[in-house]
């Protein structure tokens, strides 16, 4: 059933996604779909929730730059994949409150899983101990979403390495220090 949701969303967009279309595509009666999900938002929420039930783990290349680059390469692949499931789900989350909630939960799960990348980097002495993992991870991945989803540009796979390198340099300088641990220059300029 959830495969039918993903496929229909990618092929026709959120506007054409409906209980009847999903029921027809998956070969079940519409009351079966209504009974379990009630509406399209519930279907989308379950598609996203299913993604948090996987066994995905962040890369471990032995360096923060390598880990961030590998992570960004995965993000790049997801955002440029055909069919564009990831971008379709992001777009649909703007139209469905349950899907938006599920997407927030998905991202929270991914950031929690990826925190180990920063913890390993702190242990290796690559970044300051007070580095906020979520802020660093957002800074490393955000350029990909900005370029590929918002601007819909085609910067090429090099953006994965460039964004990783930029985030690494900023982290080394203390840019992602936890609140209350900002570097002296940054704290004084606020």
Protein backbone atom coordinates (compact mmCIF):
# COMPACT_ATOMS: atom_id res chain seq x y z
CA UNK A 1 0.00 0.00 0.00
CA UNK A 2 2.76 2.47 0.96
CA UNK A 3 4.64 1.62 -2.23
CA UNK A 4 1.51 2.62 -4.13
CA UNK A 5 1.48 5.97 -2.27
CA UNK A 6 5.13 6.66 -3.13
CA UNK A 7 4.70 5.71 -6.77
CA UNK A 8 1.51 7.72 -7.24
CA UNK A 9 2.96 10.75 -5.46
CA UNK A 10 6.01 10.76 -7.70
CA UNK A 11 4.06 10.18 -10.91
CA UNK A 12 1.17 12.59 -10.35
CA UNK A 13 2.02 14.83 -7.39
CA UNK A 14 0.22 15.56 -4.16
CA UNK A 15 -2.84 17.06 -5.85
CA UNK A 16 -3.69 13.76 -7.53
CA UNK A 17 -2.95 11.63 -4.47
CA UNK A 18 -6.17 10.30 -3.01
CA UNK A 19 -7.51 7.31 -1.13
CA UNK A 20 -9.31 6.06 -4.24
CA UNK A 21 -6.17 6.30 -6.39
CA UNK A 22 -4.07 4.48 -3.78
CA UNK A 23 -6.72 1.78 -3.34
CA UNK A 24 -6.95 1.23 -7.08
CA UNK A 25 -3.18 1.14 -7.55
CA UNK A 26 -2.68 -1.31 -4.68
CA UNK A 27 -5.65 -3.50 -5.63
CA UNK A 28 -7.67 -3.15 -2.43
CA UNK A 29 -11.09 -1.73 -1.72
CA UNK A 30 -11.16 1.95 -0.74
CA UNK A 31 -12.84 1.18 2.60
CA UNK A 32 -9.78 -0.84 3.56
CA UNK A 33 -7.60 2.23 3.03
CA UNK A 34 -10.06 4.57 4.78
CA UNK A 35 -10.37 2.26 7.77
CA UNK A 36 -6.63 2.20 8.37
CA UNK A 37 -5.48 5.68 7.28
CA UNK A 38 -8.60 7.90 7.10
CA UNK A 39 -6.93 10.39 4.73
CA UNK A 40 -3.95 11.09 2.50
CA UNK A 41 -2.08 12.75 5.37
CA UNK A 42 -2.17 9.49 7.30
CA UNK A 43 -0.81 7.60 4.30
CA UNK A 44 2.04 10.08 3.86
CA UNK A 45 2.80 10.00 7.57
CA UNK A 46 3.15 6.22 7.42
CA UNK A 47 5.42 6.42 4.36
CA UNK A 48 7.72 8.71 6.34
CA UNK A 49 7.41 6.69 9.54
CA UNK A 50 8.41 3.58 7.62
CA UNK A 51 11.67 5.30 6.72
CA UNK A 52 12.60 5.64 10.42
CA UNK A 53 12.16 1.91 10.95
CA UNK A 54 15.17 1.05 8.83
CA UNK A 55 18.63 0.03 10.00
CA UNK A 56 20.45 2.90 8.28
CA UNK A 57 23.54 4.14 10.05
CA UNK A 58 25.73 7.13 9.18
CA UNK A 59 29.06 6.53 7.43
CA UNK A 60 32.31 6.03 9.33
CA UNK A 61 35.23 6.94 7.08
CA UNK A 62 37.67 7.77 9.87
CA UNK A 63 37.47 11.55 9.53
CA UNK A 64 34.81 14.20 9.99
CA UNK A 65 35.31 15.55 6.49
CA UNK A 66 35.02 12.07 5.02
CA UNK A 67 31.91 11.28 7.07
CA UNK A 68 30.23 14.56 6.11
CA UNK A 69 31.14 14.07 2.45
CA UNK A 70 29.79 10.51 2.48
CA UNK A 71 26.61 11.67 4.23
CA UNK A 72 26.18 14.51 1.74
CA UNK A 73 26.73 12.08 -1.13
CA UNK A 74 23.79 10.04 0.18
CA UNK A 75 21.66 13.18 0.48
CA UNK A 76 22.66 14.24 -3.03
CA UNK A 77 21.71 10.81 -4.40
CA UNK A 78 18.32 10.94 -2.65
CA UNK A 79 17.57 14.45 -3.92
CA UNK A 80 18.54 13.68 -7.51
CA UNK A 81 17.08 10.16 -7.69
CA UNK A 82 14.56 9.15 -10.29
CA UNK A 83 11.84 8.83 -9.36
CA UNK A 84 12.17 11.82 -7.02
CA UNK A 85 10.55 10.26 -3.93
CA UNK A 86 12.39 12.43 -1.39
CA UNK A 87 11.49 15.74 -2.99
CA UNK A 88 7.89 14.58 -3.54
CA UNK A 89 7.56 13.77 0.17
CA UNK A 90 9.07 17.12 1.14
CA UNK A 91 6.64 18.93 -1.16
CA UNK A 92 3.68 16.95 0.16
CA UNK A 93 4.60 17.81 3.75
CA UNK A 94 3.71 21.44 2.98
CA UNK A 95 0.16 20.36 2.16
CA UNK A 96 -0.51 17.85 4.92
CA UNK A 97 -0.13 18.45 8.67
CA UNK A 98 0.28 14.73 9.49
CA UNK A 99 2.93 14.42 6.77
CA UNK A 100 4.71 17.53 8.10
CA UNK A 101 4.74 16.05 11.62
CA UNK A 102 6.05 12.76 10.26
CA UNK A 103 8.74 14.56 8.27
CA UNK A 104 9.87 16.43 11.41
CA UNK A 105 10.08 13.09 13.24
CA UNK A 106 12.03 11.59 10.35
CA UNK A 107 14.58 14.44 10.41
CA UNK A 108 14.87 14.29 14.21
CA UNK A 109 15.61 10.57 13.93
CA UNK A 110 18.24 11.12 11.23
CA UNK A 111 19.95 13.93 13.17
CA UNK A 112 19.99 11.75 16.30
CA UNK A 113 21.55 8.87 14.36
CA UNK A 114 24.12 11.18 12.75
CA UNK A 115 25.23 12.75 16.04
CA UNK A 116 27.77 9.93 16.33
CA UNK A 117 29.68 11.49 13.42
CA UNK A 118 30.34 14.59 15.49
CA UNK A 119 31.00 12.64 18.70
CA UNK A 120 33.67 10.62 16.89
CA UNK A 121 35.20 13.84 15.53
CA UNK A 122 35.33 15.32 19.04
CA UNK A 123 37.08 12.16 20.32
CA UNK A 124 39.61 12.41 17.46
CA UNK A 125 40.23 16.08 18.30
CA UNK A 126 38.96 17.33 14.93
CA UNK A 127 36.43 19.78 16.42
CA UNK A 128 35.98 21.46 19.81
CA UNK A 129 34.28 19.37 22.51
CA UNK A 130 31.37 21.82 22.78
CA UNK A 131 30.38 21.36 19.11
CA UNK A 132 26.62 21.06 18.71
CA UNK A 133 26.12 18.06 16.44
CA UNK A 134 22.74 19.07 15.06
CA UNK A 135 23.88 22.57 14.10
CA UNK A 136 26.96 21.16 12.37
CA UNK A 137 24.95 18.52 10.52
CA UNK A 138 22.36 21.05 9.38
CA UNK A 139 25.13 23.34 8.12
CA UNK A 140 26.76 20.46 6.25
CA UNK A 141 23.58 19.27 4.50
CA UNK A 142 21.60 22.51 4.07
CA UNK A 143 23.48 23.69 0.95
CA UNK A 144 22.33 20.57 -0.89
CA UNK A 145 18.68 21.17 -0.05
CA UNK A 146 19.04 24.85 -0.91
CA UNK A 147 20.60 24.23 -4.31
CA UNK A 148 18.70 21.12 -5.35
CA UNK A 149 15.25 21.64 -3.82
CA UNK A 150 14.79 25.39 -3.41
CA UNK A 151 16.78 26.71 -6.36
CA UNK A 152 16.40 23.55 -8.45
CA UNK A 153 19.88 24.10 -9.80
CA UNK A 154 22.24 21.44 -11.06
CA UNK A 155 25.50 22.11 -9.18
CA UNK A 156 26.73 18.55 -9.68
CA UNK A 157 27.91 16.04 -7.13
CA UNK A 158 30.84 18.33 -6.17
CA UNK A 159 28.45 20.21 -3.89
CA UNK A 160 28.55 17.27 -1.46
CA UNK A 161 32.29 17.67 -0.93
CA UNK A 162 32.21 21.48 -0.92
CA UNK A 163 29.46 21.67 1.70
CA UNK A 164 31.20 19.08 3.85
CA UNK A 165 34.49 20.99 3.69
CA UNK A 166 32.83 24.32 4.52
CA UNK A 167 31.02 22.84 7.52
CA UNK A 168 34.25 21.22 8.73
CA UNK A 169 36.16 24.51 8.55
CA UNK A 170 33.38 26.34 10.40
CA UNK A 171 33.22 23.61 13.06
CA UNK A 172 36.98 23.74 13.63
CA UNK A 173 36.65 27.50 14.20
CA UNK A 174 33.98 26.89 16.84
CA UNK A 175 31.04 28.13 14.78
CA UNK A 176 28.79 25.33 16.03
CA UNK A 177 29.54 25.63 19.73
CA UNK A 178 26.61 24.80 21.96
CA UNK A 179 24.76 27.83 23.26
CA UNK A 180 26.72 29.40 26.10
CA UNK A 181 30.04 28.12 24.67
CA UNK A 182 30.44 30.53 21.77
CA UNK A 183 34.01 31.54 20.87
CA UNK A 184 35.07 34.84 22.43
CA UNK A 185 34.98 36.78 19.12
CA UNK A 186 31.51 35.46 18.25
CA UNK A 187 30.16 36.04 21.74
CA UNK A 188 31.36 39.65 21.78
CA UNK A 189 29.94 40.49 18.37
CA UNK A 190 26.37 39.45 19.14
